[in-house]
Amino acid sequence: LIKRLCQRYRVAMLSNATDILEQRLRDNYAVNQYFDPIINSAVIGIAKPDPAIYRHLLDRLALEAGQVLFIDDKAENIAAAAALGMHVIWYVSSAELERQLTPYLGLDVSSSTTD
């Protein structure tokens, strides 16, 4: 799914993770190259749902909130992003995420498959 998104969009990561996030994304999962930028709360000292971390992301992306689709599994993070004007998807499962992303990927819902 991330590979398909990267073919059409710039994909960023905004995470409340430990300071080894980037290392794990690279060494354990080999997916770090799909995210530009990776913004880690442990590195910058601001965590979701603080509005400042979303503003930091927008500054790094050089985009307005309305140009960003934010995906997260926590209601408070979704609410904070939406309050700033971002489009949001509340992650509940990979199948549901793919279904909600189908219009962005330019796929027919009936032909979509999940891994």
PDB file of N, CA and C in Angstrom:
ATOM      1  N   LEU A   1       0.823  -1.193   0.000  1.00  0.00           N
ATOM      2  CA  LEU A   1       0.000   0.000   0.000  1.00  0.00           C
ATOM      3  C   LEU A   1       0.864   1.252   0.000  1.00  0.00           C
ATOM      4  N   ILE A   2       1.912   1.260   0.822  1.00  0.00           N
ATOM      5  CA  ILE A   2       2.778   2.438   0.892  1.00  0.00           C
ATOM      6  C   ILE A   2       3.501   2.649  -0.437  1.00  0.00           C
ATOM      7  N   LYS A   3       3.891   1.574  -1.085  1.00  0.00           N
ATOM      8  CA  LYS A   3       4.553   1.697  -2.390  1.00  0.00           C
ATOM      9  C   LYS A   3       3.614   2.326  -3.410  1.00  0.00           C
ATOM     10  N   ARG A   4       2.347   1.915  -3.403  1.00  0.00           N
ATOM     11  CA  ARG A   4       1.374   2.496  -4.336  1.00  0.00           C
ATOM     12  C   ARG A   4       1.134   3.963  -4.027  1.00  0.00           C
ATOM     13  N   LEU A   5       1.059   4.306  -2.747  1.00  0.00           N
ATOM     14  CA  LEU A   5       0.874   5.721  -2.383  1.00  0.00           C
ATOM     15  C   LEU A   5       2.055   6.562  -2.845  1.00  0.00           C
ATOM     16  N   CYS A   6       3.246   6.049  -2.680  1.00  0.00           N
ATOM     17  CA  CYS A   6       4.449   6.801  -3.057  1.00  0.00           C
ATOM     18  C   CYS A   6       4.555   7.038  -4.555  1.00  0.00           C
ATOM     19  N   GLN A   7       3.884   6.243  -5.346  1.00  0.00           N
ATOM     20  CA  GLN A   7       3.894   6.460  -6.790  1.00  0.00           C
ATOM     21  C   GLN A   7       3.128   7.718  -7.175  1.00  0.00           C
ATOM     22  N   ARG A   8       2.196   8.147  -6.323  1.00  0.00           N
ATOM     23  CA  ARG A   8       1.343   9.295  -6.638  1.00  0.00           C
ATOM     24  C   ARG A   8       1.509  10.480  -5.694  1.00  0.00           C
ATOM     25  N   TYR A   9       1.981  10.208  -4.464  1.00  0.00           N
ATOM     26  CA  TYR A   9       2.007  11.241  -3.434  1.00  0.00           C
ATOM     27  C   TYR A   9       3.317  11.225  -2.660  1.00  0.00           C
ATOM     28  N   ARG A  10       3.580  12.341  -2.040  1.00  0.00           N
ATOM     29  CA  ARG A  10       4.660  12.407  -1.065  1.00  0.00           C
ATOM     30  C   ARG A  10       4.081  11.895   0.245  1.00  0.00           C
ATOM     31  N   VAL A  11       4.758  10.946   0.876  1.00  0.00           N
ATOM     32  CA  VAL A  11       4.271  10.314   2.097  1.00  0.00           C
ATOM     33  C   VAL A  11       5.233  10.643   3.228  1.00  0.00           C
ATOM     34  N   ALA A  12       4.695  11.201   4.296  1.00  0.00           N
ATOM     35  CA  ALA A  12       5.496  11.546   5.465  1.00  0.00           C
ATOM     36  C   ALA A  12       5.094  10.653   6.633  1.00  0.00           C
ATOM     37  N   MET A  13       5.946  10.595   7.637  1.00  0.00           N
ATOM     38  CA  MET A  13       5.602   9.889   8.869  1.00  0.00           C
ATOM     39  C   MET A  13       5.741  10.862  10.025  1.00  0.00           C
ATOM     40  N   LEU A  14       4.709  10.909  10.853  1.00  0.00           N
ATOM     41  CA  LEU A  14       4.697  11.702  12.076  1.00  0.00           C
ATOM     42  C   LEU A  14       4.441  10.722  13.205  1.00  0.00           C
ATOM     43  N   SER A  15       5.441  10.496  14.044  1.00  0.00           N
ATOM     44  CA  SER A  15       5.351   9.418  15.020  1.00  0.00           C
ATOM     45  C   SER A  15       5.752   9.856  16.417  1.00  0.00           C
ATOM     46  N   ASN A  16       5.027   9.337  17.394  1.00  0.00           N
ATOM     47  CA  ASN A  16       5.423   9.441  18.799  1.00  0.00           C
ATOM     48  C   ASN A  16       6.183   8.161  19.130  1.00  0.00           C
ATOM     49  N   ALA A  17       7.419   8.086  18.712  1.00  0.00           N
ATOM     50  CA  ALA A  17       8.211   6.872  18.878  1.00  0.00           C
ATOM     51  C   ALA A  17       9.488   7.168  19.650  1.00  0.00           C
ATOM     52  N   THR A  18      10.254   6.127  19.833  1.00  0.00           N
ATOM     53  CA  THR A  18      11.541   6.284  20.500  1.00  0.00           C
ATOM     54  C   THR A  18      12.562   6.844  19.528  1.00  0.00           C
ATOM     55  N   ASP A  19      13.717   7.178  20.047  1.00  0.00           N
ATOM     56  CA  ASP A  19      14.761   7.770  19.197  1.00  0.00           C
ATOM     57  C   ASP A  19      15.405   6.766  18.236  1.00  0.00           C
ATOM     58  N   ILE A  20      14.995   5.498  18.280  1.00  0.00           N
ATOM     59  CA  ILE A  20      15.527   4.517  17.333  1.00  0.00           C
ATOM     60  C   ILE A  20      14.534   4.208  16.200  1.00  0.00           C
ATOM     61  N   LEU A  21      13.489   5.017  16.062  1.00  0.00           N
ATOM     62  CA  LEU A  21      12.489   4.790  15.022  1.00  0.00           C
ATOM     63  C   LEU A  21      13.124   4.678  13.639  1.00  0.00           C
ATOM     64  N   GLU A  22      13.916   5.647  13.254  1.00  0.00           N
ATOM     65  CA  GLU A  22      14.496   5.654  11.914  1.00  0.00           C
ATOM     66  C   GLU A  22      15.358   4.423  11.671  1.00  0.00           C
ATOM     67  N   GLN A  23      16.114   4.027  12.682  1.00  0.00           N
ATOM     68  CA  GLN A  23      16.953   2.825  12.567  1.00  0.00           C
ATOM     69  C   GLN A  23      16.083   1.586  12.357  1.00  0.00           C
ATOM     70  N   ARG A  24      15.010   1.463  13.114  1.00  0.00           N
ATOM     71  CA  ARG A  24      14.128   0.297  12.958  1.00  0.00           C
ATOM     72  C   ARG A  24      13.435   0.288  11.600  1.00  0.00           C
ATOM     73  N   LEU A  25      12.982   1.452  11.152  1.00  0.00           N
ATOM     74  CA  LEU A  25      12.336   1.514   9.837  1.00  0.00           C
ATOM     75  C   LEU A  25      13.293   1.068   8.745  1.00  0.00           C
ATOM     76  N   ARG A  26      14.553   1.436   8.900  1.00  0.00           N
ATOM     77  CA  ARG A  26      15.576   1.074   7.916  1.00  0.00           C
ATOM     78  C   ARG A  26      16.009  -0.379   8.076  1.00  0.00           C
ATOM     79  N   ASP A  27      16.441  -0.764   9.264  1.00  0.00           N
ATOM     80  CA  ASP A  27      17.072  -2.070   9.471  1.00  0.00           C
ATOM     81  C   ASP A  27      16.087  -3.222   9.617  1.00  0.00           C
ATOM     82  N   ASN A  28      14.981  -3.013  10.310  1.00  0.00           N
ATOM     83  CA  ASN A  28      14.042  -4.103  10.574  1.00  0.00           C
ATOM     84  C   ASN A  28      12.969  -4.252   9.492  1.00  0.00           C
ATOM     85  N   TYR A  29      12.552  -3.120   8.896  1.00  0.00           N
ATOM     86  CA  TYR A  29      11.416  -3.164   7.978  1.00  0.00           C
ATOM     87  C   TYR A  29      11.741  -2.723   6.553  1.00  0.00           C
ATOM     88  N   ALA A  30      12.885  -2.096   6.353  1.00  0.00           N
ATOM     89  CA  ALA A  30      13.319  -1.618   5.036  1.00  0.00           C
ATOM     90  C   ALA A  30      12.252  -0.767   4.352  1.00  0.00           C
ATOM     91  N   VAL A  31      11.651   0.165   5.103  1.00  0.00           N
ATOM     92  CA  VAL A  31      10.615   1.044   4.540  1.00  0.00           C
ATOM     93  C   VAL A  31      10.942   2.522   4.709  1.00  0.00           C
ATOM     94  N   ASN A  32      12.045   2.849   5.307  1.00  0.00           N
ATOM     95  CA  ASN A  32      12.369   4.252   5.587  1.00  0.00           C
ATOM     96  C   ASN A  32      12.390   5.113   4.335  1.00  0.00           C
ATOM     97  N   GLN A  33      12.762   4.541   3.209  1.00  0.00           N
ATOM     98  CA  GLN A  33      12.879   5.314   1.972  1.00  0.00           C
ATOM     99  C   GLN A  33      11.529   5.786   1.443  1.00  0.00           C
ATOM    100  N   TYR A  34      10.438   5.251   1.949  1.00  0.00           N
ATOM    101  CA  TYR A  34       9.117   5.644   1.467  1.00  0.00           C
ATOM    102  C   TYR A  34       8.571   6.895   2.159  1.00  0.00           C
ATOM    103  N   PHE A  35       9.231   7.341   3.210  1.00  0.00           N
ATOM    104  CA  PHE A  35       8.724   8.470   3.993  1.00  0.00           C
ATOM    105  C   PHE A  35       9.654   9.672   3.887  1.00  0.00           C
ATOM    106  N   ASP A  36       9.083  10.810   3.506  1.00  0.00           N
ATOM    107  CA  ASP A  36       9.852  12.046   3.394  1.00  0.00           C
ATOM    108  C   ASP A  36       8.951  13.227   3.740  1.00  0.00           C
ATOM    109  N   PRO A  37       9.118  13.758   4.924  1.00  0.00           N
ATOM    110  CA  PRO A  37      10.096  13.440   5.959  1.00  0.00           C
ATOM    111  C   PRO A  37       9.561  12.415   6.959  1.00  0.00           C
ATOM    112  N   ILE A  38      10.458  11.975   7.840  1.00  0.00           N
ATOM    113  CA  ILE A  38      10.084  11.223   9.036  1.00  0.00           C
ATOM    114  C   ILE A  38      10.253  12.195  10.195  1.00  0.00           C
ATOM    115  N   ILE A  39       9.166  12.483  10.877  1.00  0.00           N
ATOM    116  CA  ILE A  39       9.210  13.382  12.026  1.00  0.00           C
ATOM    117  C   ILE A  39       8.891  12.564  13.261  1.00  0.00           C
ATOM    118  N   ASN A  40       9.837  12.523  14.163  1.00  0.00           N
ATOM    119  CA  ASN A  40       9.773  11.674  15.349  1.00  0.00           C
ATOM    120  C   ASN A  40       9.729  12.565  16.583  1.00  0.00           C
ATOM    121  N   SER A  41       8.703  12.398  17.388  1.00  0.00           N
ATOM    122  CA  SER A  41       8.550  13.222  18.590  1.00  0.00           C
ATOM    123  C   SER A  41       9.741  13.107  19.537  1.00  0.00           C
ATOM    124  N   ALA A  42      10.381  11.945  19.590  1.00  0.00           N
ATOM    125  CA  ALA A  42      11.533  11.763  20.466  1.00  0.00           C
ATOM    126  C   ALA A  42      12.710  12.623  20.036  1.00  0.00           C
ATOM    127  N   VAL A  43      12.763  12.947  18.761  1.00  0.00           N
ATOM    128  CA  VAL A  43      13.857  13.755  18.231  1.00  0.00           C
ATOM    129  C   VAL A  43      13.566  15.242  18.380  1.00  0.00           C
ATOM    130  N   ILE A  44      12.322  15.662  18.098  1.00  0.00           N
ATOM    131  CA  ILE A  44      12.029  17.099  18.123  1.00  0.00           C
ATOM    132  C   ILE A  44      11.458  17.595  19.449  1.00  0.00           C
ATOM    133  N   GLY A  45      11.069  16.685  20.336  1.00  0.00           N
ATOM    134  CA  GLY A  45      10.611  17.092  21.661  1.00  0.00           C
ATOM    135  C   GLY A  45       9.181  17.610  21.728  1.00  0.00           C
ATOM    136  N   ILE A  46       8.374  17.311  20.730  1.00  0.00           N
ATOM    137  CA  ILE A  46       6.951  17.661  20.720  1.00  0.00           C
ATOM    138  C   ILE A  46       6.214  16.398  20.290  1.00  0.00           C
ATOM    139  N   ALA A  47       5.110  16.086  20.951  1.00  0.00           N
ATOM    140  CA  ALA A  47       4.397  14.852  20.636  1.00  0.00           C
ATOM    141  C   ALA A  47       2.950  15.120  20.250  1.00  0.00           C
ATOM    142  N   LYS A  48       2.415  14.222  19.427  1.00  0.00           N
ATOM    143  CA  LYS A  48       0.988  14.262  19.124  1.00  0.00           C
ATOM    144  C   LYS A  48       0.234  14.030  20.430  1.00  0.00           C
ATOM    145  N   PRO A  49      -0.832  14.700  20.699  1.00  0.00           N
ATOM    146  CA  PRO A  49      -1.634  15.552  19.831  1.00  0.00           C
ATOM    147  C   PRO A  49      -1.343  17.059  19.949  1.00  0.00           C
ATOM    148  N   ASP A  50      -0.187  17.445  20.427  1.00  0.00           N
ATOM    149  CA  ASP A  50       0.155  18.869  20.502  1.00  0.00           C
ATOM    150  C   ASP A  50       0.101  19.485  19.103  1.00  0.00           C
ATOM    151  N   PRO A  51      -0.688  20.546  18.912  1.00  0.00           N
ATOM    152  CA  PRO A  51      -0.789  21.168  17.585  1.00  0.00           C
ATOM    153  C   PRO A  51       0.557  21.594  17.003  1.00  0.00           C
ATOM    154  N   ALA A  52       1.532  21.862  17.842  1.00  0.00           N
ATOM    155  CA  ALA A  52       2.842  22.308  17.354  1.00  0.00           C
ATOM    156  C   ALA A  52       3.522  21.251  16.493  1.00  0.00           C
ATOM    157  N   ILE A  53       3.316  19.975  16.773  1.00  0.00           N
ATOM    158  CA  ILE A  53       3.973  18.939  15.971  1.00  0.00           C
ATOM    159  C   ILE A  53       3.345  18.852  14.577  1.00  0.00           C
ATOM    160  N   TYR A  54       2.049  19.095  14.494  1.00  0.00           N
ATOM    161  CA  TYR A  54       1.387  19.107  13.185  1.00  0.00           C
ATOM    162  C   TYR A  54       1.835  20.323  12.377  1.00  0.00           C
ATOM    163  N   ARG A  55       1.989  21.449  13.044  1.00  0.00           N
ATOM    164  CA  ARG A  55       2.493  22.646  12.348  1.00  0.00           C
ATOM    165  C   ARG A  55       3.924  22.419  11.855  1.00  0.00           C
ATOM    166  N   HIS A  56       4.719  21.735  12.674  1.00  0.00           N
ATOM    167  CA  HIS A  56       6.091  21.380  12.269  1.00  0.00           C
ATOM    168  C   HIS A  56       6.053  20.523  11.000  1.00  0.00           C
ATOM    169  N   LEU A  57       5.166  19.550  10.970  1.00  0.00           N
ATOM    170  CA  LEU A  57       5.012  18.705   9.788  1.00  0.00           C
ATOM    171  C   LEU A  57       4.626  19.541   8.571  1.00  0.00           C
ATOM    172  N   LEU A  58       3.647  20.418   8.722  1.00  0.00           N
ATOM    173  CA  LEU A  58       3.209  21.264   7.609  1.00  0.00           C
ATOM    174  C   LEU A  58       4.346  22.145   7.107  1.00  0.00           C
ATOM    175  N   ASP A  59       5.128  22.695   8.033  1.00  0.00           N
ATOM    176  CA  ASP A  59       6.285  23.510   7.632  1.00  0.00           C
ATOM    177  C   ASP A  59       7.286  22.682   6.841  1.00  0.00           C
ATOM    178  N   ARG A  60       7.579  21.479   7.311  1.00  0.00           N
ATOM    179  CA  ARG A  60       8.536  20.605   6.614  1.00  0.00           C
ATOM    180  C   ARG A  60       8.031  20.204   5.232  1.00  0.00           C
ATOM    181  N   LEU A  61       6.728  20.012   5.130  1.00  0.00           N
ATOM    182  CA  LEU A  61       6.145  19.638   3.845  1.00  0.00           C
ATOM    183  C   LEU A  61       5.932  20.836   2.930  1.00  0.00           C
ATOM    184  N   ALA A  62       5.946  22.038   3.509  1.00  0.00           N
ATOM    185  CA  ALA A  62       5.633  23.268   2.776  1.00  0.00           C
ATOM    186  C   ALA A  62       4.241  23.180   2.154  1.00  0.00           C
ATOM    187  N   LEU A  63       3.280  22.710   2.973  1.00  0.00           N
ATOM    188  CA  LEU A  63       1.897  22.554   2.542  1.00  0.00           C
ATOM    189  C   LEU A  63       0.961  23.197   3.552  1.00  0.00           C
ATOM    190  N   GLU A  64      -0.238  23.501   3.085  1.00  0.00           N
ATOM    191  CA  GLU A  64      -1.306  23.959   3.959  1.00  0.00           C
ATOM    192  C   GLU A  64      -2.015  22.729   4.519  1.00  0.00           C
ATOM    193  N   ALA A  65      -2.657  22.888   5.658  1.00  0.00           N
ATOM    194  CA  ALA A  65      -3.333  21.766   6.309  1.00  0.00           C
ATOM    195  C   ALA A  65      -4.335  21.082   5.382  1.00  0.00           C
ATOM    196  N   GLY A  66      -5.070  21.851   4.606  1.00  0.00           N
ATOM    197  CA  GLY A  66      -6.066  21.286   3.710  1.00  0.00           C
ATOM    198  C   GLY A  66      -5.508  20.475   2.563  1.00  0.00           C
ATOM    199  N   GLN A  67      -4.203  20.487   2.389  1.00  0.00           N
ATOM    200  CA  GLN A  67      -3.542  19.716   1.339  1.00  0.00           C
ATOM    201  C   GLN A  67      -3.009  18.377   1.853  1.00  0.00           C
ATOM    202  N   VAL A  68      -3.249  18.105   3.133  1.00  0.00           N
ATOM    203  CA  VAL A  68      -2.661  16.925   3.778  1.00  0.00           C
ATOM    204  C   VAL A  68      -3.755  15.956   4.214  1.00  0.00           C
ATOM    205  N   LEU A  69      -3.518  14.677   3.969  1.00  0.00           N
ATOM    206  CA  LEU A  69      -4.350  13.604   4.493  1.00  0.00           C
ATOM    207  C   LEU A  69      -3.573  12.949   5.621  1.00  0.00           C
ATOM    208  N   PHE A  70      -4.120  12.986   6.829  1.00  0.00           N
ATOM    209  CA  PHE A  70      -3.448  12.465   8.018  1.00  0.00           C
ATOM    210  C   PHE A  70      -4.142  11.177   8.440  1.00  0.00           C
ATOM    211  N   ILE A  71      -3.352  10.137   8.688  1.00  0.00           N
ATOM    212  CA  ILE A  71      -3.868   8.832   9.102  1.00  0.00           C
ATOM    213  C   ILE A  71      -3.271   8.497  10.455  1.00  0.00           C
ATOM    214  N   ASP A  72      -4.125   8.069  11.391  1.00  0.00           N
ATOM    215  CA  ASP A  72      -3.633   7.698  12.717  1.00  0.00           C
ATOM    216  C   ASP A  72      -4.621   6.738  13.358  1.00  0.00           C
ATOM    217  N   ASP A  73      -4.147   6.009  14.365  1.00  0.00           N
ATOM    218  CA  ASP A  73      -5.011   5.052  15.053  1.00  0.00           C
ATOM    219  C   ASP A  73      -5.559   5.571  16.377  1.00  0.00           C
ATOM    220  N   LYS A  74      -5.225   6.779  16.746  1.00  0.00           N
ATOM    221  CA  LYS A  74      -5.680   7.340  18.022  1.00  0.00           C
ATOM    222  C   LYS A  74      -6.628   8.511  17.770  1.00  0.00           C
ATOM    223  N   ALA A  75      -7.783   8.468  18.438  1.00  0.00           N
ATOM    224  CA  ALA A  75      -8.815   9.489  18.239  1.00  0.00           C
ATOM    225  C   ALA A  75      -8.309  10.889  18.549  1.00  0.00           C
ATOM    226  N   GLU A  76      -7.522  11.040  19.604  1.00  0.00           N
ATOM    227  CA  GLU A  76      -7.046  12.375  19.986  1.00  0.00           C
ATOM    228  C   GLU A  76      -6.091  12.957  18.932  1.00  0.00           C
ATOM    229  N   ASN A  77      -5.343  12.101  18.259  1.00  0.00           N
ATOM    230  CA  ASN A  77      -4.442  12.575  17.199  1.00  0.00           C
ATOM    231  C   ASN A  77      -5.225  12.963  15.949  1.00  0.00           C
ATOM    232  N   ILE A  78      -6.240  12.185  15.632  1.00  0.00           N
ATOM    233  CA  ILE A  78      -7.122  12.498  14.503  1.00  0.00           C
ATOM    234  C   ILE A  78      -7.835  13.823  14.761  1.00  0.00           C
ATOM    235  N   ALA A  79      -8.355  13.995  15.970  1.00  0.00           N
ATOM    236  CA  ALA A  79      -9.073  15.224  16.309  1.00  0.00           C
ATOM    237  C   ALA A  79      -8.160  16.442  16.209  1.00  0.00           C
ATOM    238  N   ALA A  80      -6.933  16.324  16.670  1.00  0.00           N
ATOM    239  CA  ALA A  80      -5.996  17.450  16.618  1.00  0.00           C
ATOM    240  C   ALA A  80      -5.663  17.822  15.175  1.00  0.00           C
ATOM    241  N   ALA A  81      -5.445  16.829  14.332  1.00  0.00           N
ATOM    242  CA  ALA A  81      -5.153  17.096  12.923  1.00  0.00           C
ATOM    243  C   ALA A  81      -6.357  17.725  12.224  1.00  0.00           C
ATOM    244  N   ALA A  82      -7.530  17.203  12.494  1.00  0.00           N
ATOM    245  CA  ALA A  82      -8.750  17.747  11.887  1.00  0.00           C
ATOM    246  C   ALA A  82      -9.000  19.178  12.337  1.00  0.00           C
ATOM    247  N   ALA A  83      -8.695  19.478  13.598  1.00  0.00           N
ATOM    248  CA  ALA A  83      -8.893  20.835  14.122  1.00  0.00           C
ATOM    249  C   ALA A  83      -8.025  21.848  13.390  1.00  0.00           C
ATOM    250  N   LEU A  84      -6.891  21.398  12.853  1.00  0.00           N
ATOM    251  CA  LEU A  84      -6.019  22.282  12.083  1.00  0.00           C
ATOM    252  C   LEU A  84      -6.424  22.365  10.611  1.00  0.00           C
ATOM    253  N   GLY A  85      -7.398  21.542  10.211  1.00  0.00           N
ATOM    254  CA  GLY A  85      -7.876  21.578   8.834  1.00  0.00           C
ATOM    255  C   GLY A  85      -7.373  20.467   7.941  1.00  0.00           C
ATOM    256  N   MET A  86      -6.671  19.495   8.508  1.00  0.00           N
ATOM    257  CA  MET A  86      -6.202  18.362   7.704  1.00  0.00           C
ATOM    258  C   MET A  86      -7.369  17.420   7.421  1.00  0.00           C
ATOM    259  N   HIS A  87      -7.297  16.739   6.292  1.00  0.00           N
ATOM    260  CA  HIS A  87      -8.206  15.641   6.013  1.00  0.00           C
ATOM    261  C   HIS A  87      -7.696  14.467   6.848  1.00  0.00           C
ATOM    262  N   VAL A  88      -8.587  13.651   7.365  1.00  0.00           N
ATOM    263  CA  VAL A  88      -8.147  12.585   8.267  1.00  0.00           C
ATOM    264  C   VAL A  88      -8.805  11.252   7.935  1.00  0.00           C
ATOM    265  N   ILE A  89      -8.073  10.206   8.249  1.00  0.00           N
ATOM    266  CA  ILE A  89      -8.584   8.839   8.247  1.00  0.00           C
ATOM    267  C   ILE A  89      -8.176   8.217   9.575  1.00  0.00           C
ATOM    268  N   TRP A  90      -9.156   7.648  10.251  1.00  0.00           N
ATOM    269  CA  TRP A  90      -8.896   6.955  11.510  1.00  0.00           C
ATOM    270  C   TRP A  90      -8.583   5.504  11.164  1.00  0.00           C
ATOM    271  N   TYR A  91      -7.337   5.095  11.417  1.00  0.00           N
ATOM    272  CA  TYR A  91      -6.898   3.740  11.100  1.00  0.00           C
ATOM    273  C   TYR A  91      -7.528   2.747  12.075  1.00  0.00           C
ATOM    274  N   VAL A  92      -8.261   1.774  11.517  1.00  0.00           N
ATOM    275  CA  VAL A  92      -8.822   0.702  12.345  1.00  0.00           C
ATOM    276  C   VAL A  92      -8.379  -0.681  11.867  1.00  0.00           C
ATOM    277  N   SER A  93      -8.032  -0.790  10.581  1.00  0.00           N
ATOM    278  CA  SER A  93      -7.501  -2.044  10.026  1.00  0.00           C
ATOM    279  C   SER A  93      -6.882  -1.739   8.673  1.00  0.00           C
ATOM    280  N   SER A  94      -6.020  -2.638   8.233  1.00  0.00           N
ATOM    281  CA  SER A  94      -5.386  -2.409   6.935  1.00  0.00           C
ATOM    282  C   SER A  94      -6.405  -2.467   5.806  1.00  0.00           C
ATOM    283  N   ALA A  95      -7.368  -3.366   5.900  1.00  0.00           N
ATOM    284  CA  ALA A  95      -8.390  -3.470   4.858  1.00  0.00           C
ATOM    285  C   ALA A  95      -9.233  -2.198   4.789  1.00  0.00           C
ATOM    286  N   GLU A  96      -9.620  -1.676   5.935  1.00  0.00           N
ATOM    287  CA  GLU A  96     -10.415  -0.445   5.959  1.00  0.00           C
ATOM    288  C   GLU A  96      -9.598   0.746   5.481  1.00  0.00           C
ATOM    289  N   LEU A  97      -8.329   0.791   5.828  1.00  0.00           N
ATOM    290  CA  LEU A  97      -7.474   1.874   5.351  1.00  0.00           C
ATOM    291  C   LEU A  97      -7.384   1.837   3.832  1.00  0.00           C
ATOM    292  N   GLU A  98      -7.148   0.678   3.292  1.00  0.00           N
ATOM    293  CA  GLU A  98      -7.060   0.573   1.837  1.00  0.00           C
ATOM    294  C   GLU A  98      -8.377   0.969   1.185  1.00  0.00           C
ATOM    295  N   ARG A  99      -9.495   0.569   1.769  1.00  0.00           N
ATOM    296  CA  ARG A  99     -10.799   0.950   1.218  1.00  0.00           C
ATOM    297  C   ARG A  99     -10.946   2.464   1.203  1.00  0.00           C
ATOM    298  N   GLN A 100     -10.560   3.119   2.306  1.00  0.00           N
ATOM    299  CA  GLN A 100     -10.694   4.574   2.377  1.00  0.00           C
ATOM    300  C   GLN A 100      -9.698   5.296   1.476  1.00  0.00           C
ATOM    301  N   LEU A 101      -8.571   4.672   1.211  1.00  0.00           N
ATOM    302  CA  LEU A 101      -7.570   5.286   0.332  1.00  0.00           C
ATOM    303  C   LEU A 101      -7.829   5.025  -1.154  1.00  0.00           C
ATOM    304  N   THR A 102      -8.735   4.128  -1.455  1.00  0.00           N
ATOM    305  CA  THR A 102      -9.005   3.756  -2.845  1.00  0.00           C
ATOM    306  C   THR A 102      -9.207   4.958  -3.759  1.00  0.00           C
ATOM    307  N   PRO A 103      -9.997   5.969  -3.378  1.00  0.00           N
ATOM    308  CA  PRO A 103     -10.146   7.125  -4.288  1.00  0.00           C
ATOM    309  C   PRO A 103      -8.827   7.862  -4.542  1.00  0.00           C
ATOM    310  N   TYR A 104      -7.958   7.882  -3.570  1.00  0.00           N
ATOM    311  CA  TYR A 104      -6.666   8.555  -3.717  1.00  0.00           C
ATOM    312  C   TYR A 104      -5.707   7.759  -4.592  1.00  0.00           C
ATOM    313  N   LEU A 105      -5.875   6.448  -4.589  1.00  0.00           N
ATOM    314  CA  LEU A 105      -4.996   5.585  -5.377  1.00  0.00           C
ATOM    315  C   LEU A 105      -5.489   5.405  -6.804  1.00  0.00           C
ATOM    316  N   GLY A 106      -6.692   5.908  -7.083  1.00  0.00           N
ATOM    317  CA  GLY A 106      -7.241   5.791  -8.426  1.00  0.00           C
ATOM    318  C   GLY A 106      -7.611   4.383  -8.783  1.00  0.00           C
ATOM    319  N   LEU A 107      -8.045   3.613  -7.793  1.00  0.00           N
ATOM    320  CA  LEU A 107      -8.414   2.219  -8.017  1.00  0.00           C
ATOM    321  C   LEU A 107      -9.928   2.040  -7.950  1.00  0.00           C
ATOM    322  N   ASP A 108     -10.416   1.029  -8.631  1.00  0.00           N
ATOM    323  CA  ASP A 108     -11.799   0.623  -8.509  1.00  0.00           C
ATOM    324  C   ASP A 108     -11.899  -0.215  -7.234  1.00  0.00           C
ATOM    325  N   VAL A 109     -12.827   0.132  -6.349  1.00  0.00           N
ATOM    326  CA  VAL A 109     -12.967  -0.571  -5.066  1.00  0.00           C
ATOM    327  C   VAL A 109     -13.123  -2.070  -5.279  1.00  0.00           C
ATOM    328  N   SER A 110     -13.855  -2.487  -6.302  1.00  0.00           N
ATOM    329  CA  SER A 110     -14.097  -3.901  -6.523  1.00  0.00           C
ATOM    330  C   SER A 110     -12.848  -4.666  -6.952  1.00  0.00           C
ATOM    331  N   SER A 111     -11.826  -3.953  -7.473  1.00  0.00           N
ATOM    332  CA  SER A 111     -10.605  -4.637  -7.907  1.00  0.00           C
ATOM    333  C   SER A 111      -9.485  -4.551  -6.886  1.00  0.00           C
ATOM    334  N   SER A 112      -9.727  -3.871  -5.769  1.00  0.00           N
ATOM    335  CA  SER A 112      -8.707  -3.687  -4.754  1.00  0.00           C
ATOM    336  C   SER A 112      -8.532  -4.955  -3.925  1.00  0.00           C
ATOM    337  N   THR A 113      -7.271  -5.256  -3.598  1.00  0.00           N
ATOM    338  CA  THR A 113      -6.980  -6.395  -2.730  1.00  0.00           C
ATOM    339  C   THR A 113      -6.095  -5.925  -1.591  1.00  0.00           C
ATOM    340  N   THR A 114      -6.119  -6.673  -0.495  1.00  0.00           N
ATOM    341  CA  THR A 114      -5.271  -6.346   0.644  1.00  0.00           C
ATOM    342  C   THR A 114      -4.244  -7.437   0.847  1.00  0.00           C
ATOM    343  N   ASP A 115      -3.148  -7.058   1.468  1.00  0.00           N
ATOM    344  CA  ASP A 115      -2.073  -8.019   1.768  1.00  0.00           C
ATOM    345  C   ASP A 115      -2.211  -8.514   3.176  1.00  0.00           C
TER     346      ASP A 115
END
